N, C-alpha and C. Protein backbone atom coordinates (compact mmCIF):
# COMPACT_ATOMS: atom_id res chain seq x y z
N MET A 1 5.20 17.41 -8.43
CA MET A 1 3.86 17.93 -8.47
C MET A 1 2.88 16.77 -8.36
N GLN A 2 1.90 16.92 -7.51
CA GLN A 2 0.91 15.87 -7.31
C GLN A 2 -0.26 16.05 -8.25
N ASN A 3 -0.78 14.92 -8.70
CA ASN A 3 -1.99 14.88 -9.50
C ASN A 3 -3.05 14.21 -8.65
N ILE A 4 -4.20 14.83 -8.52
CA ILE A 4 -5.27 14.26 -7.71
C ILE A 4 -6.43 13.94 -8.62
N ARG A 5 -6.95 12.73 -8.46
CA ARG A 5 -8.13 12.32 -9.24
C ARG A 5 -8.99 11.42 -8.37
N ILE A 6 -10.24 11.27 -8.77
CA ILE A 6 -11.17 10.39 -8.07
C ILE A 6 -11.18 9.06 -8.82
N VAL A 7 -10.95 7.98 -8.08
CA VAL A 7 -10.96 6.66 -8.69
C VAL A 7 -11.87 5.74 -7.88
N GLU A 8 -12.44 4.75 -8.55
CA GLU A 8 -13.22 3.74 -7.86
C GLU A 8 -12.36 2.50 -7.70
N ILE A 9 -12.19 2.07 -6.47
CA ILE A 9 -11.38 0.90 -6.18
C ILE A 9 -12.33 -0.23 -5.75
N PRO A 10 -12.22 -1.39 -6.39
CA PRO A 10 -13.09 -2.51 -6.00
C PRO A 10 -12.62 -3.11 -4.66
N SER A 11 -13.50 -3.84 -4.00
CA SER A 11 -13.07 -4.51 -2.77
C SER A 11 -12.05 -5.59 -3.15
N MET A 12 -11.09 -5.83 -2.26
CA MET A 12 -10.02 -6.78 -2.55
C MET A 12 -9.35 -7.22 -1.27
N LYS A 13 -8.65 -8.32 -1.34
CA LYS A 13 -7.80 -8.78 -0.25
C LYS A 13 -6.50 -8.00 -0.34
N ALA A 14 -6.03 -7.55 0.82
CA ALA A 14 -4.79 -6.77 0.83
C ALA A 14 -3.97 -7.11 2.06
N VAL A 15 -2.68 -6.98 1.93
CA VAL A 15 -1.78 -7.13 3.07
C VAL A 15 -1.73 -5.79 3.77
N TYR A 16 -1.86 -5.82 5.09
CA TYR A 16 -1.95 -4.59 5.90
C TYR A 16 -0.70 -4.43 6.74
N SER A 17 -0.10 -3.26 6.66
CA SER A 17 1.12 -2.98 7.40
C SER A 17 0.91 -2.84 8.90
N GLY A 18 -0.32 -2.52 9.29
CA GLY A 18 -0.57 -2.09 10.66
C GLY A 18 -0.29 -0.60 10.72
N PRO A 19 -0.58 0.05 11.84
CA PRO A 19 -0.30 1.49 11.95
C PRO A 19 1.20 1.76 11.81
N LEU A 20 1.54 2.71 10.96
CA LEU A 20 2.95 3.05 10.74
C LEU A 20 3.36 4.13 11.74
N THR A 21 3.54 3.71 12.97
CA THR A 21 3.85 4.66 14.04
C THR A 21 5.34 4.77 14.33
N ASP A 22 6.15 3.92 13.69
CA ASP A 22 7.59 4.02 13.88
C ASP A 22 8.31 3.60 12.60
N ASN A 23 9.54 3.98 12.50
CA ASN A 23 10.33 3.70 11.29
C ASN A 23 10.55 2.21 11.08
N GLU A 24 10.66 1.45 12.18
CA GLU A 24 10.90 0.01 12.07
C GLU A 24 9.74 -0.70 11.35
N THR A 25 8.51 -0.34 11.69
CA THR A 25 7.34 -0.93 11.04
C THR A 25 7.30 -0.55 9.57
N PHE A 26 7.56 0.72 9.27
CA PHE A 26 7.58 1.19 7.88
C PHE A 26 8.62 0.43 7.07
N GLU A 27 9.83 0.33 7.60
CA GLU A 27 10.93 -0.34 6.88
C GLU A 27 10.65 -1.82 6.68
N ALA A 28 10.06 -2.48 7.69
CA ALA A 28 9.76 -3.91 7.57
C ALA A 28 8.74 -4.15 6.45
N PHE A 29 7.68 -3.33 6.42
CA PHE A 29 6.68 -3.50 5.38
C PHE A 29 7.26 -3.14 4.02
N ASN A 30 8.07 -2.11 3.95
CA ASN A 30 8.69 -1.71 2.69
C ASN A 30 9.58 -2.82 2.14
N ARG A 31 10.36 -3.46 3.01
CA ARG A 31 11.22 -4.57 2.57
C ARG A 31 10.38 -5.72 2.03
N TRP A 32 9.32 -6.11 2.81
CA TRP A 32 8.48 -7.21 2.36
C TRP A 32 7.81 -6.87 1.03
N PHE A 33 7.18 -5.69 0.96
CA PHE A 33 6.45 -5.25 -0.22
C PHE A 33 7.36 -5.22 -1.45
N SER A 34 8.54 -4.65 -1.31
CA SER A 34 9.47 -4.53 -2.45
C SER A 34 9.91 -5.90 -2.95
N GLU A 35 10.24 -6.80 -2.04
CA GLU A 35 10.68 -8.14 -2.44
C GLU A 35 9.53 -8.93 -3.07
N TYR A 36 8.38 -8.88 -2.45
CA TYR A 36 7.23 -9.62 -2.97
C TYR A 36 6.82 -9.11 -4.35
N HIS A 37 6.68 -7.80 -4.48
CA HIS A 37 6.22 -7.24 -5.74
C HIS A 37 7.22 -7.50 -6.87
N SER A 38 8.51 -7.43 -6.58
CA SER A 38 9.50 -7.66 -7.63
C SER A 38 9.54 -9.12 -8.08
N SER A 39 9.01 -10.03 -7.25
CA SER A 39 9.00 -11.44 -7.63
C SER A 39 7.85 -11.78 -8.57
N LEU A 40 6.87 -10.91 -8.71
CA LEU A 40 5.72 -11.17 -9.57
C LEU A 40 6.07 -10.91 -11.03
N LYS A 41 5.48 -11.70 -11.91
CA LYS A 41 5.69 -11.50 -13.34
C LYS A 41 4.53 -10.70 -13.90
N ASN A 42 4.81 -9.86 -14.86
CA ASN A 42 3.79 -9.10 -15.59
C ASN A 42 3.02 -8.10 -14.74
N GLU A 43 3.60 -7.59 -13.71
CA GLU A 43 2.96 -6.54 -12.91
C GLU A 43 3.53 -5.20 -13.37
N ILE A 44 2.67 -4.36 -13.96
CA ILE A 44 3.19 -3.11 -14.53
C ILE A 44 2.56 -1.87 -13.89
N TYR A 45 1.83 -2.05 -12.82
CA TYR A 45 1.19 -0.90 -12.19
C TYR A 45 1.30 -1.03 -10.67
N PRO A 46 1.23 0.07 -9.96
CA PRO A 46 1.30 -0.01 -8.49
C PRO A 46 0.10 -0.74 -7.91
N GLN A 47 0.33 -1.48 -6.86
CA GLN A 47 -0.72 -2.19 -6.16
C GLN A 47 -0.77 -1.79 -4.70
N ASP A 48 -0.06 -0.75 -4.34
CA ASP A 48 -0.03 -0.38 -2.93
C ASP A 48 -0.76 0.94 -2.71
N PHE A 49 -1.35 1.04 -1.54
CA PHE A 49 -2.14 2.20 -1.16
C PHE A 49 -1.70 2.63 0.23
N MET A 50 -1.39 3.89 0.41
CA MET A 50 -1.03 4.41 1.72
C MET A 50 -1.94 5.59 2.02
N TRP A 51 -2.44 5.62 3.25
CA TRP A 51 -3.27 6.76 3.65
C TRP A 51 -3.12 7.03 5.13
N TYR A 52 -3.57 8.21 5.52
CA TYR A 52 -3.56 8.60 6.92
C TYR A 52 -4.92 8.27 7.51
N ASN A 53 -4.94 7.46 8.55
CA ASN A 53 -6.17 7.08 9.23
C ASN A 53 -6.36 8.02 10.42
N GLU A 54 -7.30 8.93 10.29
CA GLU A 54 -7.53 9.91 11.35
C GLU A 54 -8.00 9.27 12.64
N ARG A 55 -8.74 8.16 12.55
CA ARG A 55 -9.25 7.50 13.76
C ARG A 55 -8.14 6.99 14.65
N ILE A 56 -7.06 6.47 14.06
CA ILE A 56 -5.97 5.94 14.89
C ILE A 56 -4.76 6.88 14.93
N GLY A 57 -4.81 7.94 14.14
CA GLY A 57 -3.72 8.93 14.15
C GLY A 57 -2.42 8.43 13.57
N ALA A 58 -2.51 7.61 12.53
CA ALA A 58 -1.28 7.07 11.92
C ALA A 58 -1.53 6.74 10.46
N GLN A 59 -0.45 6.66 9.70
CA GLN A 59 -0.54 6.21 8.32
C GLN A 59 -0.69 4.69 8.31
N GLU A 60 -1.32 4.19 7.25
CA GLU A 60 -1.45 2.76 7.03
C GLU A 60 -1.07 2.48 5.59
N TRP A 61 -0.52 1.29 5.36
CA TRP A 61 -0.08 0.91 4.03
C TRP A 61 -0.73 -0.43 3.69
N PHE A 62 -1.31 -0.52 2.50
CA PHE A 62 -1.95 -1.74 2.04
C PHE A 62 -1.33 -2.16 0.72
N TYR A 63 -1.22 -3.48 0.52
CA TYR A 63 -0.75 -4.01 -0.75
C TYR A 63 -1.81 -4.97 -1.27
N ALA A 64 -2.42 -4.64 -2.41
CA ALA A 64 -3.47 -5.46 -3.00
C ALA A 64 -2.88 -6.77 -3.51
N LEU A 65 -3.40 -7.87 -3.01
CA LEU A 65 -2.89 -9.17 -3.42
C LEU A 65 -3.41 -9.56 -4.80
N PRO A 66 -2.54 -10.06 -5.64
CA PRO A 66 -2.99 -10.54 -6.94
C PRO A 66 -3.80 -11.82 -6.77
N HIS A 67 -4.66 -12.11 -7.74
CA HIS A 67 -5.47 -13.33 -7.71
C HIS A 67 -4.56 -14.55 -7.60
N GLY A 68 -4.89 -15.45 -6.68
CA GLY A 68 -4.12 -16.67 -6.52
C GLY A 68 -2.82 -16.50 -5.77
N ALA A 69 -2.67 -15.41 -5.03
CA ALA A 69 -1.43 -15.15 -4.29
C ALA A 69 -1.18 -16.25 -3.26
N GLU A 70 0.07 -16.62 -3.11
CA GLU A 70 0.46 -17.60 -2.10
C GLU A 70 0.54 -16.92 -0.75
N LYS A 71 -0.40 -17.22 0.10
CA LYS A 71 -0.50 -16.52 1.38
C LYS A 71 0.64 -16.86 2.34
N ASN A 72 1.36 -17.94 2.08
CA ASN A 72 2.49 -18.28 2.94
C ASN A 72 3.68 -17.33 2.72
N LEU A 73 3.62 -16.49 1.69
CA LEU A 73 4.70 -15.53 1.42
C LEU A 73 4.44 -14.16 2.06
N ILE A 74 3.39 -14.06 2.85
CA ILE A 74 2.99 -12.77 3.41
C ILE A 74 3.88 -12.34 4.57
N ASP A 75 4.54 -13.24 5.23
CA ASP A 75 5.42 -12.93 6.35
C ASP A 75 4.59 -12.65 7.59
N ARG A 76 4.88 -11.61 8.31
CA ARG A 76 4.23 -11.35 9.60
C ARG A 76 3.03 -10.43 9.50
N PHE A 77 2.63 -10.06 8.31
CA PHE A 77 1.59 -9.06 8.15
C PHE A 77 0.20 -9.69 8.01
N GLU A 78 -0.80 -8.93 8.38
CA GLU A 78 -2.19 -9.37 8.35
C GLU A 78 -2.78 -9.20 6.94
N ILE A 79 -3.64 -10.14 6.56
CA ILE A 79 -4.40 -10.00 5.32
C ILE A 79 -5.78 -9.48 5.71
N THR A 80 -6.23 -8.44 5.05
CA THR A 80 -7.49 -7.80 5.38
C THR A 80 -8.31 -7.56 4.11
N ASP A 81 -9.57 -7.24 4.30
CA ASP A 81 -10.42 -6.86 3.18
C ASP A 81 -10.35 -5.35 3.01
N LEU A 82 -9.86 -4.91 1.89
CA LEU A 82 -9.81 -3.48 1.59
C LEU A 82 -11.17 -3.10 1.01
N PRO A 83 -11.85 -2.13 1.61
CA PRO A 83 -13.21 -1.81 1.14
C PRO A 83 -13.22 -1.14 -0.23
N CYS A 84 -14.33 -1.33 -0.91
CA CYS A 84 -14.49 -0.66 -2.20
C CYS A 84 -15.02 0.74 -1.97
N GLY A 85 -14.94 1.56 -3.00
CA GLY A 85 -15.50 2.89 -2.91
C GLY A 85 -14.77 3.88 -3.79
N LEU A 86 -15.22 5.11 -3.70
CA LEU A 86 -14.57 6.21 -4.43
C LEU A 86 -13.52 6.83 -3.52
N PHE A 87 -12.34 7.05 -4.06
CA PHE A 87 -11.24 7.61 -3.30
C PHE A 87 -10.62 8.76 -4.07
N ALA A 88 -10.22 9.81 -3.35
CA ALA A 88 -9.42 10.88 -3.94
C ALA A 88 -7.97 10.40 -3.83
N VAL A 89 -7.32 10.25 -4.97
CA VAL A 89 -5.98 9.67 -5.01
C VAL A 89 -4.98 10.70 -5.50
N ALA A 90 -3.92 10.87 -4.73
CA ALA A 90 -2.82 11.74 -5.13
C ALA A 90 -1.65 10.86 -5.54
N SER A 91 -1.08 11.14 -6.67
CA SER A 91 0.07 10.37 -7.11
C SER A 91 1.23 11.31 -7.38
N CYS A 92 2.42 10.82 -7.07
CA CYS A 92 3.62 11.61 -7.33
C CYS A 92 4.82 10.67 -7.33
N LEU A 93 5.92 11.14 -7.81
CA LEU A 93 7.15 10.38 -7.78
C LEU A 93 7.79 10.53 -6.41
N ASP A 94 8.51 9.50 -5.97
CA ASP A 94 9.21 9.61 -4.69
C ASP A 94 10.14 10.82 -4.67
N ALA A 95 10.71 11.13 -5.81
CA ALA A 95 11.62 12.29 -5.88
C ALA A 95 10.89 13.58 -5.56
N ASP A 96 9.60 13.66 -5.93
CA ASP A 96 8.81 14.85 -5.62
C ASP A 96 8.60 14.98 -4.12
N ILE A 97 8.36 13.85 -3.45
CA ILE A 97 8.17 13.88 -1.99
C ILE A 97 9.46 14.26 -1.31
N ASP A 98 10.58 13.68 -1.77
CA ASP A 98 11.88 13.96 -1.14
C ASP A 98 12.23 15.43 -1.26
N GLY A 99 11.79 16.10 -2.31
CA GLY A 99 12.14 17.50 -2.51
C GLY A 99 11.11 18.46 -1.96
N ALA A 100 10.02 17.93 -1.39
CA ALA A 100 8.96 18.82 -0.87
C ALA A 100 9.42 19.55 0.39
N ALA A 101 8.94 20.76 0.52
CA ALA A 101 9.32 21.54 1.71
C ALA A 101 8.34 21.32 2.82
């Protein structure tokens, strides 16, 4: 079951997956994101944001960089400025998505 709430997200530097138009791009970003995030100490909350960009017709995935992040660990992905603003955010467990019809 999804929970939807309105949250204010501050502007931040984020790693950008690029348009997720194929499984290879998704898997590459997922591998990088999982390895990078697990290497951080004291991170207890999600830092990734995924949304559907209607202008380009594809999903995009962003990972908010922690303060002082070593940019040489970013791999092949672009660092971008994630805009601030109010967002409607849906959260759910991966198991909920896997079981959705």
